[in-house]
Amino acid sequence: MLDIFFFLYRTALTGILSKASCVPYRFVLIKEPKTWPAAQSHCKEKHIDLATVQSDEDRAKLKEAANAVNFQSFAWIGFYNGVLTWRWSYKNTVISYTKWETGEPDTYRTHEACAFINRNQRWGDINCLEEKYFFCQTGKKLYSTYNLDAWEFSVRFYSHRSF
């Protein structure tokens, strides 16, 4: 009986903990001015979405992509002002990391609902219908899938046995 307990315990832990993985991603600067909605459509069609910047590491990757093509201006990122809060376009996630430029967001007369990143890797908000270059994200970031197959197998297998 003790062997069964350890088997269940071991398979449950390995099934749950072993499936977090990181798939490489990168940012691509598109040097074709578009409005924020048009840029988002382009990125979703050809890549994953507009760039999602959730850490200093992401900011460094954006800077690297910009430096690779000697870009020193402003570009759309996948950040927009939703009904109650700023959100990322990719999976409509609420923000947990910000790097606003001083005085931003100012949502000037509530017409500035889309975010850009500047040459200092800081964010600003501006009217979504202005045309700017934009960063797309390719690939995916850290994601977790909990593989409960081993656990489910153990439960199903041993639940039909009489001890």
Foldseek 3Di string as FASTA:
>chain_A
DVVLVVQLVVLQCCLFPVFWDWKDKAKAWFFDWFFQVVQQVVLVVPANGFADDQDVVNLVRVLVNCVVVVHAFKAFGQWWQDPDAIAGPRVRHGHDDFFADPPPPPCVVVQFTTWIAGNVRHIYTDHRGGIDIGMHMHDDGTDGDRRCVSNVVSCVVVVPDDD
